[in-house]
Amino acid sequence: LRSDCLSVNKNGKKVSYDGLLIKRGQPGPNDFVTLQPG
């Protein structure tokens, strides 16, 4: 959890992200994962 990538609700109310906030540059090939069909 290094970004606000989840929608979180508690008792019907939005819960704000309170984790680390990162300035990113360029991703590299190792920042990807390959998934074959299925």
PDB file of all heavy atoms in Angstrom:
ATOM      1  N   LEU A   1       0.850  -1.200   0.000  1.00  0.00           N
ATOM      2  CA  LEU A   1       0.000   0.000   0.000  1.00  0.00           C
ATOM      3  C   LEU A   1       0.882   1.246   0.000  1.00  0.00           C
ATOM      4  O   LEU A   1       1.110   1.886   1.025  1.00  0.00           O
ATOM      5  CB  LEU A   1      -0.944  -0.023   1.202  1.00  0.00           C
ATOM      6  CG  LEU A   1      -2.061  -1.057   1.103  1.00  0.00           C
ATOM      7  CD1 LEU A   1      -2.962  -1.000   2.331  1.00  0.00           C
ATOM      8  CD2 LEU A   1      -2.892  -0.851  -0.167  1.00  0.00           C
ATOM      9  N   ARG A   2       1.380   1.587  -1.188  1.00  0.00           N
ATOM     10  CA  ARG A   2       2.240   2.755  -1.373  1.00  0.00           C
ATOM     11  C   ARG A   2       1.550   3.824  -2.214  1.00  0.00           C
ATOM     12  O   ARG A   2       2.183   4.734  -2.734  1.00  0.00           O
ATOM     13  CB  ARG A   2       3.566   2.343  -2.024  1.00  0.00           C
ATOM     14  CG  ARG A   2       4.403   1.437  -1.118  1.00  0.00           C
ATOM     15  CD  ARG A   2       5.647   0.922  -1.796  1.00  0.00           C
ATOM     16  NE  ARG A   2       6.591   1.971  -2.148  1.00  0.00           N
ATOM     17  CZ  ARG A   2       7.487   2.494  -1.309  1.00  0.00           C
ATOM     18  NH1 ARG A   2       7.531   2.071  -0.056  1.00  0.00           N
ATOM     19  NH2 ARG A   2       8.320   3.427  -1.721  1.00  0.00           N
ATOM     20  N   SER A   3       0.216   3.693  -2.366  1.00  0.00           N
ATOM     21  CA  SER A   3      -0.577   4.686  -3.094  1.00  0.00           C
ATOM     22  C   SER A   3      -2.031   4.521  -2.678  1.00  0.00           C
ATOM     23  O   SER A   3      -2.420   3.498  -2.112  1.00  0.00           O
ATOM     24  CB  SER A   3      -0.448   4.491  -4.611  1.00  0.00           C
ATOM     25  OG  SER A   3      -1.027   3.255  -4.991  1.00  0.00           O
ATOM     26  N   ASP A   4      -2.834   5.529  -2.999  1.00  0.00           N
ATOM     27  CA  ASP A   4      -4.265   5.489  -2.679  1.00  0.00           C
ATOM     28  C   ASP A   4      -4.992   4.753  -3.796  1.00  0.00           C
ATOM     29  O   ASP A   4      -5.709   5.343  -4.601  1.00  0.00           O
ATOM     30  CB  ASP A   4      -4.796   6.913  -2.521  1.00  0.00           C
ATOM     31  CG  ASP A   4      -6.261   6.936  -2.090  1.00  0.00           C
ATOM     32  OD1 ASP A   4      -6.764   5.883  -1.662  1.00  0.00           O
ATOM     33  OD2 ASP A   4      -6.879   8.016  -2.184  1.00  0.00           O
ATOM     34  N   CYS A   5      -4.811   3.433  -3.829  1.00  0.00           N
ATOM     35  CA  CYS A   5      -5.363   2.638  -4.923  1.00  0.00           C
ATOM     36  C   CYS A   5      -6.625   1.875  -4.526  1.00  0.00           C
ATOM     37  O   CYS A   5      -7.198   1.167  -5.358  1.00  0.00           O
ATOM     38  CB  CYS A   5      -4.314   1.656  -5.448  1.00  0.00           C
ATOM     39  SG  CYS A   5      -3.734   0.456  -4.229  1.00  0.00           S
ATOM     40  N   LEU A   6      -7.059   2.025  -3.286  1.00  0.00           N
ATOM     41  CA  LEU A   6      -8.239   1.310  -2.817  1.00  0.00           C
ATOM     42  C   LEU A   6      -9.371   2.271  -2.491  1.00  0.00           C
ATOM     43  O   LEU A   6      -9.131   3.401  -2.038  1.00  0.00           O
ATOM     44  CB  LEU A   6      -7.912   0.494  -1.558  1.00  0.00           C
ATOM     45  CG  LEU A   6      -6.852  -0.585  -1.691  1.00  0.00           C
ATOM     46  CD1 LEU A   6      -6.622  -1.251  -0.338  1.00  0.00           C
ATOM     47  CD2 LEU A   6      -7.234  -1.616  -2.741  1.00  0.00           C
ATOM     48  N   SER A   7     -10.587   1.822  -2.736  1.00  0.00           N
ATOM     49  CA  SER A   7     -11.780   2.539  -2.289  1.00  0.00           C
ATOM     50  C   SER A   7     -12.240   1.867  -1.000  1.00  0.00           C
ATOM     51  O   SER A   7     -12.647   0.706  -1.013  1.00  0.00           O
ATOM     52  CB  SER A   7     -12.870   2.454  -3.358  1.00  0.00           C
ATOM     53  OG  SER A   7     -14.077   3.015  -2.882  1.00  0.00           O
ATOM     54  N   VAL A   8     -12.133   2.597   0.115  1.00  0.00           N
ATOM     55  CA  VAL A   8     -12.429   2.026   1.432  1.00  0.00           C
ATOM     56  C   VAL A   8     -13.592   2.796   2.052  1.00  0.00           C
ATOM     57  O   VAL A   8     -13.547   4.028   2.150  1.00  0.00           O
ATOM     58  CB  VAL A   8     -11.196   2.086   2.358  1.00  0.00           C
ATOM     59  CG1 VAL A   8     -11.506   1.467   3.719  1.00  0.00           C
ATOM     60  CG2 VAL A   8     -10.012   1.365   1.709  1.00  0.00           C
ATOM     61  N   ASN A   9     -14.618   2.067   2.455  1.00  0.00           N
ATOM     62  CA  ASN A   9     -15.783   2.663   3.110  1.00  0.00           C
ATOM     63  C   ASN A   9     -16.048   1.940   4.418  1.00  0.00           C
ATOM     64  O   ASN A   9     -15.952   0.714   4.493  1.00  0.00           O
ATOM     65  CB  ASN A   9     -17.019   2.582   2.223  1.00  0.00           C
ATOM     66  CG  ASN A   9     -16.957   3.546   1.061  1.00  0.00           C
ATOM     67  OD1 ASN A   9     -17.382   4.690   1.176  1.00  0.00           O
ATOM     68  ND2 ASN A   9     -16.397   3.095  -0.063  1.00  0.00           N
ATOM     69  N   LYS A  10     -16.363   2.725   5.445  1.00  0.00           N
ATOM     70  CA  LYS A  10     -16.690   2.146   6.741  1.00  0.00           C
ATOM     71  C   LYS A  10     -18.025   2.696   7.209  1.00  0.00           C
ATOM     72  O   LYS A  10     -18.219   3.910   7.260  1.00  0.00           O
ATOM     73  CB  LYS A  10     -15.611   2.464   7.765  1.00  0.00           C
ATOM     74  CG  LYS A  10     -15.847   1.773   9.099  1.00  0.00           C
ATOM     75  CD  LYS A  10     -14.630   1.877   9.972  1.00  0.00           C
ATOM     76  CE  LYS A  10     -14.850   1.026  11.205  1.00  0.00           C
ATOM     77  NZ  LYS A  10     -13.704   1.115  12.110  1.00  0.00           N
ATOM     78  N   ASN A  11     -18.953   1.794   7.488  1.00  0.00           N
ATOM     79  CA  ASN A  11     -20.309   2.181   7.871  1.00  0.00           C
ATOM     80  C   ASN A  11     -20.906   3.160   6.856  1.00  0.00           C
ATOM     81  O   ASN A  11     -21.609   4.111   7.213  1.00  0.00           O
ATOM     82  CB  ASN A  11     -20.327   2.779   9.278  1.00  0.00           C
ATOM     83  CG  ASN A  11     -19.883   1.777  10.331  1.00  0.00           C
ATOM     84  OD1 ASN A  11     -20.105   0.581  10.195  1.00  0.00           O
ATOM     85  ND2 ASN A  11     -19.231   2.267  11.383  1.00  0.00           N
ATOM     86  N   GLY A  12     -20.560   2.936   5.572  1.00  0.00           N
ATOM     87  CA  GLY A  12     -21.110   3.750   4.490  1.00  0.00           C
ATOM     88  C   GLY A  12     -20.404   5.054   4.226  1.00  0.00           C
ATOM     89  O   GLY A  12     -20.795   5.802   3.332  1.00  0.00           O
ATOM     90  N   LYS A  13     -19.320   5.347   4.954  1.00  0.00           N
ATOM     91  CA  LYS A  13     -18.585   6.604   4.772  1.00  0.00           C
ATOM     92  C   LYS A  13     -17.176   6.323   4.253  1.00  0.00           C
ATOM     93  O   LYS A  13     -16.529   5.363   4.671  1.00  0.00           O
ATOM     94  CB  LYS A  13     -18.510   7.373   6.093  1.00  0.00           C
ATOM     95  CG  LYS A  13     -19.863   7.853   6.600  1.00  0.00           C
ATOM     96  CD  LYS A  13     -19.706   8.658   7.884  1.00  0.00           C
ATOM     97  CE  LYS A  13     -21.052   9.159   8.388  1.00  0.00           C
ATOM     98  NZ  LYS A  13     -20.914   9.944   9.661  1.00  0.00           N
ATOM     99  N   LYS A  14     -16.713   7.202   3.355  1.00  0.00           N
ATOM    100  CA  LYS A  14     -15.383   7.037   2.770  1.00  0.00           C
ATOM    101  C   LYS A  14     -14.311   7.183   3.834  1.00  0.00           C
ATOM    102  O   LYS A  14     -14.364   8.080   4.679  1.00  0.00           O
ATOM    103  CB  LYS A  14     -15.164   8.082   1.666  1.00  0.00           C
ATOM    104  CG  LYS A  14     -13.789   8.009   1.029  1.00  0.00           C
ATOM    105  CD  LYS A  14     -13.580   9.114   0.014  1.00  0.00           C
ATOM    106  CE  LYS A  14     -12.149   9.098  -0.526  1.00  0.00           C
ATOM    107  NZ  LYS A  14     -11.905  10.191  -1.489  1.00  0.00           N
ATOM    108  N   VAL A  15     -13.311   6.324   3.765  1.00  0.00           N
ATOM    109  CA  VAL A  15     -12.133   6.419   4.633  1.00  0.00           C
ATOM    110  C   VAL A  15     -10.966   6.927   3.793  1.00  0.00           C
ATOM    111  O   VAL A  15     -10.620   6.336   2.760  1.00  0.00           O
ATOM    112  CB  VAL A  15     -11.776   5.058   5.249  1.00  0.00           C
ATOM    113  CG1 VAL A  15     -10.533   5.173   6.127  1.00  0.00           C
ATOM    114  CG2 VAL A  15     -12.952   4.507   6.054  1.00  0.00           C
ATOM    115  N   SER A  16     -10.365   8.022   4.209  1.00  0.00           N
ATOM    116  CA  SER A  16      -9.278   8.633   3.440  1.00  0.00           C
ATOM    117  C   SER A  16      -7.981   7.851   3.584  1.00  0.00           C
ATOM    118  O   SER A  16      -7.705   7.227   4.615  1.00  0.00           O
ATOM    119  CB  SER A  16      -9.049  10.074   3.902  1.00  0.00           C
ATOM    120  OG  SER A  16     -10.192  10.860   3.655  1.00  0.00           O
ATOM    121  N   TYR A  17      -7.174   7.918   2.550  1.00  0.00           N
ATOM    122  CA  TYR A  17      -5.839   7.303   2.552  1.00  0.00           C
ATOM    123  C   TYR A  17      -4.931   8.057   3.508  1.00  0.00           C
ATOM    124  O   TYR A  17      -4.904   9.282   3.527  1.00  0.00           O
ATOM    125  CB  TYR A  17      -5.277   7.359   1.134  1.00  0.00           C
ATOM    126  CG  TYR A  17      -3.868   6.836   0.979  1.00  0.00           C
ATOM    127  CD1 TYR A  17      -3.614   5.472   0.976  1.00  0.00           C
ATOM    128  CD2 TYR A  17      -2.800   7.712   0.817  1.00  0.00           C
ATOM    129  CE1 TYR A  17      -2.318   4.987   0.805  1.00  0.00           C
ATOM    130  CE2 TYR A  17      -1.507   7.239   0.644  1.00  0.00           C
ATOM    131  CZ  TYR A  17      -1.266   5.874   0.645  1.00  0.00           C
ATOM    132  OH  TYR A  17       0.007   5.392   0.480  1.00  0.00           O
ATOM    133  N   ASP A  18      -4.194   7.332   4.325  1.00  0.00           N
ATOM    134  CA  ASP A  18      -3.271   7.951   5.277  1.00  0.00           C
ATOM    135  C   ASP A  18      -1.958   7.175   5.302  1.00  0.00           C
ATOM    136  O   ASP A  18      -1.418   6.853   6.357  1.00  0.00           O
ATOM    137  CB  ASP A  18      -3.895   7.995   6.682  1.00  0.00           C
ATOM    138  CG  ASP A  18      -3.168   8.976   7.600  1.00  0.00           C
ATOM    139  OD1 ASP A  18      -2.356   9.780   7.101  1.00  0.00           O
ATOM    140  OD2 ASP A  18      -3.406   8.923   8.825  1.00  0.00           O
ATOM    141  N   GLY A  19      -1.466   6.888   4.100  1.00  0.00           N
ATOM    142  CA  GLY A  19      -0.187   6.204   3.972  1.00  0.00           C
ATOM    143  C   GLY A  19       0.872   7.126   3.410  1.00  0.00           C
ATOM    144  O   GLY A  19       0.750   8.349   3.461  1.00  0.00           O
ATOM    145  N   LEU A  20       1.921   6.541   2.863  1.00  0.00           N
ATOM    146  CA  LEU A  20       3.014   7.314   2.295  1.00  0.00           C
ATOM    147  C   LEU A  20       2.593   7.915   0.959  1.00  0.00           C
ATOM    148  O   LEU A  20       1.828   7.319   0.203  1.00  0.00           O
ATOM    149  CB  LEU A  20       4.238   6.428   2.104  1.00  0.00           C
ATOM    150  CG  LEU A  20       4.800   5.797   3.386  1.00  0.00           C
ATOM    151  CD1 LEU A  20       5.970   4.887   3.055  1.00  0.00           C
ATOM    152  CD2 LEU A  20       5.190   6.856   4.403  1.00  0.00           C
ATOM    153  N   LEU A  21       3.115   9.124   0.668  1.00  0.00           N
ATOM    154  CA  LEU A  21       2.828   9.837  -0.576  1.00  0.00           C
ATOM    155  C   LEU A  21       4.141  10.010  -1.325  1.00  0.00           C
ATOM    156  O   LEU A  21       5.089  10.602  -0.808  1.00  0.00           O
ATOM    157  CB  LEU A  21       2.165  11.176  -0.277  1.00  0.00           C
ATOM    158  CG  LEU A  21       0.763  11.018   0.342  1.00  0.00           C
ATOM    159  CD1 LEU A  21       0.401  12.211   1.178  1.00  0.00           C
ATOM    160  CD2 LEU A  21      -0.266  10.793  -0.749  1.00  0.00           C
ATOM    161  N   ILE A  22       4.177   9.498  -2.542  1.00  0.00           N
ATOM    162  CA  ILE A  22       5.435   9.302  -3.260  1.00  0.00           C
ATOM    163  C   ILE A  22       5.463  10.100  -4.555  1.00  0.00           C
ATOM    164  O   ILE A  22       4.517  10.048  -5.348  1.00  0.00           O
ATOM    165  CB  ILE A  22       5.626   7.808  -3.582  1.00  0.00           C
ATOM    166  CG1 ILE A  22       5.615   6.978  -2.292  1.00  0.00           C
ATOM    167  CG2 ILE A  22       6.906   7.575  -4.354  1.00  0.00           C
ATOM    168  CD1 ILE A  22       5.564   5.487  -2.538  1.00  0.00           C
ATOM    169  N   LYS A  23       6.576  10.828  -4.785  1.00  0.00           N
ATOM    170  CA  LYS A  23       6.800  11.419  -6.107  1.00  0.00           C
ATOM    171  C   LYS A  23       7.582  10.404  -6.922  1.00  0.00           C
ATOM    172  O   LYS A  23       8.695  10.020  -6.563  1.00  0.00           O
ATOM    173  CB  LYS A  23       7.580  12.734  -6.030  1.00  0.00           C
ATOM    174  CG  LYS A  23       7.917  13.274  -7.433  1.00  0.00           C
ATOM    175  CD  LYS A  23       8.547  14.636  -7.411  1.00  0.00           C
ATOM    176  CE  LYS A  23       9.098  15.011  -8.792  1.00  0.00           C
ATOM    177  NZ  LYS A  23       8.079  15.036  -9.863  1.00  0.00           N
ATOM    178  N   ARG A  24       6.970   9.965  -8.010  1.00  0.00           N
ATOM    179  CA  ARG A  24       7.574   8.936  -8.847  1.00  0.00           C
ATOM    180  C   ARG A  24       8.114   9.529 -10.141  1.00  0.00           C
ATOM    181  O   ARG A  24       7.630  10.556 -10.617  1.00  0.00           O
ATOM    182  CB  ARG A  24       6.541   7.860  -9.195  1.00  0.00           C
ATOM    183  CG  ARG A  24       5.914   7.157  -7.975  1.00  0.00           C
ATOM    184  CD  ARG A  24       4.947   6.104  -8.458  1.00  0.00           C
ATOM    185  NE  ARG A  24       4.148   5.509  -7.405  1.00  0.00           N
ATOM    186  CZ  ARG A  24       4.457   4.385  -6.754  1.00  0.00           C
ATOM    187  NH1 ARG A  24       5.582   3.775  -7.021  1.00  0.00           N
ATOM    188  NH2 ARG A  24       3.656   3.894  -5.835  1.00  0.00           N
ATOM    189  N   GLY A  25       9.087   8.860 -10.683  1.00  0.00           N
ATOM    190  CA  GLY A  25       9.633   9.252 -11.974  1.00  0.00           C
ATOM    191  C   GLY A  25       9.240   8.250 -13.032  1.00  0.00           C
ATOM    192  O   GLY A  25       8.068   7.995 -13.273  1.00  0.00           O
ATOM    193  N   GLN A  26      10.221   7.616 -13.641  1.00  0.00           N
ATOM    194  CA  GLN A  26       9.985   6.688 -14.744  1.00  0.00           C
ATOM    195  C   GLN A  26      10.009   5.248 -14.239  1.00  0.00           C
ATOM    196  O   GLN A  26      10.959   4.827 -13.594  1.00  0.00           O
ATOM    197  CB  GLN A  26      11.076   6.864 -15.796  1.00  0.00           C
ATOM    198  CG  GLN A  26      11.001   5.862 -16.933  1.00  0.00           C
ATOM    199  CD  GLN A  26      12.029   6.152 -18.004  1.00  0.00           C
ATOM    200  OE1 GLN A  26      12.265   7.299 -18.346  1.00  0.00           O
ATOM    201  NE2 GLN A  26      12.641   5.111 -18.541  1.00  0.00           N
ATOM    202  N   PRO A  27       8.967   4.462 -14.539  1.00  0.00           N
ATOM    203  CA  PRO A  27       9.024   3.042 -14.173  1.00  0.00           C
ATOM    204  C   PRO A  27      10.008   2.301 -15.065  1.00  0.00           C
ATOM    205  O   PRO A  27      10.267   2.698 -16.205  1.00  0.00           O
ATOM    206  CB  PRO A  27       7.591   2.558 -14.411  1.00  0.00           C
ATOM    207  CG  PRO A  27       7.063   3.458 -15.472  1.00  0.00           C
ATOM    208  CD  PRO A  27       7.712   4.797 -15.231  1.00  0.00           C
ATOM    209  N   GLY A  28      10.568   1.234 -14.544  1.00  0.00           N
ATOM    210  CA  GLY A  28      11.444   0.377 -15.325  1.00  0.00           C
ATOM    211  C   GLY A  28      10.753  -0.939 -15.645  1.00  0.00           C
ATOM    212  O   GLY A  28       9.679  -1.237 -15.121  1.00  0.00           O
ATOM    213  N   PRO A  29      11.357  -1.752 -16.490  1.00  0.00           N
ATOM    214  CA  PRO A  29      10.759  -3.050 -16.829  1.00  0.00           C
ATOM    215  C   PRO A  29      10.464  -3.911 -15.606  1.00  0.00           C
ATOM    216  O   PRO A  29       9.480  -4.663 -15.593  1.00  0.00           O
ATOM    217  CB  PRO A  29      11.818  -3.693 -17.729  1.00  0.00           C
ATOM    218  CG  PRO A  29      12.549  -2.545 -18.342  1.00  0.00           C
ATOM    219  CD  PRO A  29      12.591  -1.491 -17.265  1.00  0.00           C
ATOM    220  N   ASN A  30      11.300  -3.805 -14.566  1.00  0.00           N
ATOM    221  CA  ASN A  30      11.091  -4.621 -13.367  1.00  0.00           C
ATOM    222  C   ASN A  30       9.894  -4.167 -12.541  1.00  0.00           C
ATOM    223  O   ASN A  30       9.510  -4.854 -11.586  1.00  0.00           O
ATOM    224  CB  ASN A  30      12.348  -4.608 -12.500  1.00  0.00           C
ATOM    225  CG  ASN A  30      13.506  -5.348 -13.132  1.00  0.00           C
ATOM    226  OD1 ASN A  30      13.302  -6.231 -13.968  1.00  0.00           O
ATOM    227  ND2 ASN A  30      14.721  -4.993 -12.748  1.00  0.00           N
ATOM    228  N   ASP A  31       9.327  -3.012 -12.885  1.00  0.00           N
ATOM    229  CA  ASP A  31       8.137  -2.520 -12.175  1.00  0.00           C
ATOM    230  C   ASP A  31       6.849  -3.085 -12.770  1.00  0.00           C
ATOM    231  O   ASP A  31       5.755  -2.732 -12.320  1.00  0.00           O
ATOM    232  CB  ASP A  31       8.096  -0.989 -12.192  1.00  0.00           C
ATOM    233  CG  ASP A  31       9.255  -0.383 -11.428  1.00  0.00           C
ATOM    234  OD1 ASP A  31       9.475  -0.809 -10.282  1.00  0.00           O
ATOM    235  OD2 ASP A  31       9.956   0.499 -11.976  1.00  0.00           O
ATOM    236  N   PHE A  32       6.969  -3.956 -13.760  1.00  0.00           N
ATOM    237  CA  PHE A  32       5.817  -4.599 -14.391  1.00  0.00           C
ATOM    238  C   PHE A  32       5.806  -6.090 -14.077  1.00  0.00           C
ATOM    239  O   PHE A  32       6.855  -6.703 -13.846  1.00  0.00           O
ATOM    240  CB  PHE A  32       5.867  -4.420 -15.917  1.00  0.00           C
ATOM    241  CG  PHE A  32       5.576  -3.027 -16.378  1.00  0.00           C
ATOM    242  CD1 PHE A  32       6.552  -2.039 -16.315  1.00  0.00           C
ATOM    243  CD2 PHE A  32       4.328  -2.688 -16.883  1.00  0.00           C
ATOM    244  CE1 PHE A  32       6.289  -0.749 -16.734  1.00  0.00           C
ATOM    245  CE2 PHE A  32       4.056  -1.397 -17.305  1.00  0.00           C
ATOM    246  CZ  PHE A  32       5.038  -0.427 -17.225  1.00  0.00           C
ATOM    247  N   VAL A  33       4.635  -6.664 -14.081  1.00  0.00           N
ATOM    248  CA  VAL A  33       4.473  -8.106 -13.982  1.00  0.00           C
ATOM    249  C   VAL A  33       3.708  -8.579 -15.220  1.00  0.00           C
ATOM    250  O   VAL A  33       2.754  -7.931 -15.656  1.00  0.00           O
ATOM    251  CB  VAL A  33       3.733  -8.514 -12.689  1.00  0.00           C
ATOM    252  CG1 VAL A  33       2.341  -7.908 -12.618  1.00  0.00           C
ATOM    253  CG2 VAL A  33       3.655 -10.031 -12.556  1.00  0.00           C
ATOM    254  N   THR A  34       4.160  -9.683 -15.816  1.00  0.00           N
ATOM    255  CA  THR A  34       3.520 -10.223 -17.012  1.00  0.00           C
ATOM    256  C   THR A  34       2.576 -11.363 -16.628  1.00  0.00           C
ATOM    257  O   THR A  34       2.966 -12.273 -15.888  1.00  0.00           O
ATOM    258  CB  THR A  34       4.563 -10.735 -18.008  1.00  0.00           C
ATOM    259  OG1 THR A  34       5.388  -9.644 -18.418  1.00  0.00           O
ATOM    260  CG2 THR A  34       3.888 -11.349 -19.242  1.00  0.00           C
ATOM    261  N   LEU A  35       1.351 -11.283 -17.134  1.00  0.00           N
ATOM    262  CA  LEU A  35       0.367 -12.340 -16.912  1.00  0.00           C
ATOM    263  C   LEU A  35      -0.004 -12.968 -18.247  1.00  0.00           C
ATOM    264  O   LEU A  35      -0.467 -12.278 -19.161  1.00  0.00           O
ATOM    265  CB  LEU A  35      -0.888 -11.788 -16.239  1.00  0.00           C
ATOM    266  CG  LEU A  35      -0.748 -11.264 -14.805  1.00  0.00           C
ATOM    267  CD1 LEU A  35      -2.107 -10.791 -14.277  1.00  0.00           C
ATOM    268  CD2 LEU A  35      -0.176 -12.330 -13.881  1.00  0.00           C
ATOM    269  N   GLN A  36       0.198 -14.263 -18.353  1.00  0.00           N
ATOM    270  CA  GLN A  36      -0.227 -14.990 -19.532  1.00  0.00           C
ATOM    271  C   GLN A  36      -1.746 -15.183 -19.493  1.00  0.00           C
ATOM    272  O   GLN A  36      -2.376 -14.992 -18.447  1.00  0.00           O
ATOM    273  CB  GLN A  36       0.476 -16.351 -19.585  1.00  0.00           C
ATOM    274  CG  GLN A  36       1.985 -16.277 -19.659  1.00  0.00           C
ATOM    275  CD  GLN A  36       2.487 -15.599 -20.919  1.00  0.00           C
ATOM    276  OE1 GLN A  36       1.846 -15.689 -21.994  1.00  0.00           O
ATOM    277  NE2 GLN A  36       3.621 -14.914 -20.823  1.00  0.00           N
ATOM    278  N   PRO A  37      -2.398 -15.545 -20.606  1.00  0.00           N
ATOM    279  CA  PRO A  37      -3.847 -15.781 -20.587  1.00  0.00           C
ATOM    280  C   PRO A  37      -4.232 -16.789 -19.492  1.00  0.00           C
ATOM    281  O   PRO A  37      -3.641 -17.865 -19.389  1.00  0.00           O
ATOM    282  CB  PRO A  37      -4.119 -16.345 -21.988  1.00  0.00           C
ATOM    283  CG  PRO A  37      -3.047 -15.749 -22.830  1.00  0.00           C
ATOM    284  CD  PRO A  37      -1.833 -15.688 -21.962  1.00  0.00           C
ATOM    285  N   GLY A  38      -5.174 -16.400 -18.668  1.00  0.00           N
ATOM    286  CA  GLY A  38      -5.635 -17.254 -17.587  1.00  0.00           C
ATOM    287  C   GLY A  38      -4.793 -17.217 -16.338  1.00  0.00           C
ATOM    288  O   GLY A  38      -5.162 -17.817 -15.313  1.00  0.00           O
TER     289      GLY A  38
END
